[in-house]
C-alpha cells in the first residue's frame, strides 16, 4: 500500500472564524463542502481539493473526534510538527498581499534547488511554508531574504 500524496492535515484552532479568515483571506484557500460531522469545523482547499481540515480546540468529546490529540497535546505553535508546506505560484503577488494585510513573513531562497519560500504563521502559531519552485535567482523585488547558501552549516562529529 504505497503512499501517493498528502491528502490534508487537521489543525485544532482556538478561534474557528479567525483561522478560517486567515487561511481564506491571506493564503487564498476556499471553503469546501464538508460532511455533517458531529463537531464544527471547515474543510479548506484549492482547485477543488481539500488541503486543510480545522476544528475548534477545547470542545466536548474531543477525544472521540481528534484521534491525534491528547490531554498533553500542544495548544499553540505546531507541537511535534515543525511546519506545513504548500506549493504556490506568483510569489510577488503573495508577498504584496501579505504586506497589505500586515502579515509578517520570512523569505528564503534555495539557489541550488531553484526554490523561493515564504514562511508565515497562522493565528495559532502554526508555521506555514509556501514553496515557489522554478525560481533560479533571487527575485529583484525581494528585500530581507535569507539565502540557504549563506547560512551556517551544522557540523556533525563522529562518536
Protein backbone atom coordinates (compact mmCIF):
# COMPACT_ATOMS: atom_id res chain seq x y z
CA UNK A 1 0.00 0.00 0.00
CA UNK A 2 2.20 2.88 -1.21
CA UNK A 3 1.51 6.41 -0.06
CA UNK A 4 0.60 8.52 -3.07
CA UNK A 5 0.50 12.01 -1.58
CA UNK A 6 -0.70 14.22 1.24
CA UNK A 7 -4.48 14.35 1.45
CA UNK A 8 -4.94 17.02 4.13
CA UNK A 9 -3.90 17.99 7.61
CA UNK A 10 -6.11 18.74 10.60
CA UNK A 11 -5.49 21.65 12.92
CA UNK A 12 -7.23 22.41 16.22
CA UNK A 13 -7.81 26.15 16.39
CA UNK A 14 -8.68 28.50 19.23
CA UNK A 15 -10.96 30.73 17.14
CA UNK A 16 -12.57 28.90 14.22
CA UNK A 17 -13.69 32.00 12.31
CA UNK A 18 -10.40 33.87 12.78
CA UNK A 19 -8.49 30.86 11.45
CA UNK A 20 -10.88 30.40 8.52
CA UNK A 21 -10.40 34.06 7.58
CA UNK A 22 -6.60 33.70 7.74
CA UNK A 23 -6.49 30.61 5.52
CA UNK A 24 -9.02 32.04 3.05
CA UNK A 25 -8.21 35.76 3.00
CA UNK A 26 -4.45 35.60 3.49
CA UNK A 27 -3.49 32.29 1.86
CA UNK A 28 -6.29 32.11 -0.74
CA UNK A 29 -7.98 28.86 0.30
CA UNK A 30 -11.68 28.28 -0.41
CA UNK A 31 -14.28 26.76 1.92
CA UNK A 32 -15.04 23.31 0.56
CA UNK A 33 -18.14 21.13 1.12
CA UNK A 34 -17.81 19.25 4.41
CA UNK A 35 -19.93 16.33 5.63
CA UNK A 36 -22.24 16.83 8.59
CA UNK A 37 -19.66 15.79 11.17
CA UNK A 38 -20.65 15.83 14.87
CA UNK A 39 -18.36 18.79 15.61
CA UNK A 40 -17.99 22.22 13.97
CA UNK A 41 -15.22 22.98 11.54
CA UNK A 42 -14.18 23.68 7.98
CA UNK A 43 -12.63 21.91 5.06
CA UNK A 44 -10.49 24.34 3.09
CA UNK A 45 -8.86 23.73 -0.24
CA UNK A 46 -7.70 24.89 -3.62
CA UNK A 47 -8.53 23.60 -7.07
CA UNK A 48 -11.44 21.55 -5.74
CA UNK A 49 -9.23 19.53 -3.36
CA UNK A 50 -9.33 19.69 0.43
CA UNK A 51 -5.96 20.62 1.92
CA UNK A 52 -6.80 21.75 5.47
CA UNK A 53 -9.39 20.43 7.91
CA UNK A 54 -9.89 22.55 11.01
CA UNK A 55 -11.95 22.21 14.14
CA UNK A 56 -12.18 24.09 17.42
CA UNK A 57 -9.92 23.29 20.35
CA UNK A 58 -11.49 22.51 23.73
CA UNK A 59 -14.82 21.04 22.65
CA UNK A 60 -16.81 18.34 24.43
CA UNK A 61 -15.95 14.77 23.44
CA UNK A 62 -12.86 15.89 21.55
CA UNK A 63 -11.19 12.56 22.36
CA UNK A 64 -13.79 10.91 20.07
CA UNK A 65 -13.15 13.28 17.15
CA UNK A 66 -9.47 14.25 17.33
CA UNK A 67 -7.56 10.96 17.36
CA UNK A 68 -4.16 12.65 17.28
CA UNK A 69 -4.79 14.95 20.24
CA UNK A 70 -4.38 14.04 23.88
CA UNK A 71 -4.67 15.90 27.17
CA UNK A 72 -0.99 16.92 26.97
CA UNK A 73 -1.06 17.92 23.28
CA UNK A 74 0.22 21.36 22.32
CA UNK A 75 -2.41 24.06 22.03
CA UNK A 76 -0.29 26.56 20.12
CA UNK A 77 2.57 26.57 17.61
CA UNK A 78 2.92 23.19 15.96
CA UNK A 79 3.69 20.59 18.61
CA UNK A 80 5.84 17.82 17.14
CA UNK A 81 5.19 19.06 13.59
CA UNK A 82 7.57 21.90 12.69
CA UNK A 83 5.64 23.30 9.73
CA UNK A 84 3.22 22.54 6.91
CA UNK A 85 4.27 23.33 3.32
CA UNK A 86 2.20 24.15 0.25
CA UNK A 87 3.19 24.62 -3.37
CA UNK A 88 2.30 28.10 -4.56
CA UNK A 89 2.60 30.42 -7.57
CA UNK A 90 3.27 34.13 -8.11
CA UNK A 91 5.43 34.93 -5.08
CA UNK A 92 5.50 38.67 -5.77
CA UNK A 93 1.69 38.89 -5.58
CA UNK A 94 1.63 36.71 -2.47
CA UNK A 95 4.25 38.92 -0.82
CA UNK A 96 2.31 42.08 -1.76
CA UNK A 97 -0.90 40.61 -0.31
CA UNK A 98 0.85 39.65 2.93
CA UNK A 99 2.32 43.13 3.28
CA UNK A 100 -1.03 44.80 2.53
CA UNK A 101 -2.70 42.66 5.21
CA UNK A 102 0.04 43.29 7.75
CA UNK A 103 1.05 39.62 7.89
CA UNK A 104 4.68 39.22 8.88
CA UNK A 105 6.60 36.92 6.55
CA UNK A 106 10.07 35.46 6.40
CA UNK A 107 11.54 34.83 2.95
CA UNK A 108 14.19 32.31 1.98
CA UNK A 109 15.90 31.35 -1.23
CA UNK A 110 17.49 27.99 -2.03
CA UNK A 111 19.51 28.68 -5.19
CA UNK A 112 20.88 25.15 -5.61
CA UNK A 113 17.32 23.83 -5.80
CA UNK A 114 15.69 26.76 -7.66
CA UNK A 115 13.26 27.36 -4.82
CA UNK A 116 11.91 30.53 -3.23
CA UNK A 117 9.97 30.25 0.05
CA UNK A 118 7.75 32.47 2.16
CA UNK A 119 7.03 31.48 5.77
CA UNK A 120 4.06 32.85 7.77
CA UNK A 121 2.31 31.86 10.99
CA UNK A 122 -1.40 31.09 11.21
CA UNK A 123 -3.41 32.66 14.08
CA UNK A 124 -2.47 29.81 16.45
CA UNK A 125 1.24 29.97 15.63
CA UNK A 126 1.47 27.07 13.16
CA UNK A 127 4.23 27.76 10.64
CA UNK A 128 3.03 27.68 7.04
CA UNK A 129 5.69 27.35 4.31
CA UNK A 130 4.79 28.48 0.81
CA UNK A 131 7.10 26.96 -1.83
CA UNK A 132 7.59 28.61 -5.22
CA UNK A 133 9.62 26.19 -7.40
CA UNK A 134 11.44 27.10 -10.60
CA UNK A 135 12.98 30.35 -9.35
CA UNK A 136 16.66 30.10 -10.18
CA UNK A 137 17.85 33.52 -8.99
CA UNK A 138 16.78 35.69 -6.10
CA UNK A 139 13.91 37.91 -7.29
CA UNK A 140 14.82 41.60 -7.60
CA UNK A 141 11.69 42.70 -5.71
CA UNK A 142 12.70 40.75 -2.59
CA UNK A 143 14.11 42.57 0.41
CA UNK A 144 15.48 40.89 3.51
CA UNK A 145 15.52 37.33 2.20
CA UNK A 146 17.70 34.65 3.73
CA UNK A 147 19.82 32.55 1.40
CA UNK A 148 20.38 28.95 2.49
CA UNK A 149 23.81 29.07 0.83
CA UNK A 150 24.87 31.76 3.34
CA UNK A 151 23.60 30.01 6.47
CA UNK A 152 25.96 28.35 8.95
CA UNK A 153 26.27 24.60 8.47
CA UNK A 154 25.74 22.07 11.22
CA UNK A 155 28.93 20.19 11.84
CA UNK A 156 28.43 16.58 12.85
CA UNK A 157 31.03 14.79 14.88
CA UNK A 158 31.84 11.12 14.84
CA UNK A 159 31.28 9.33 18.12
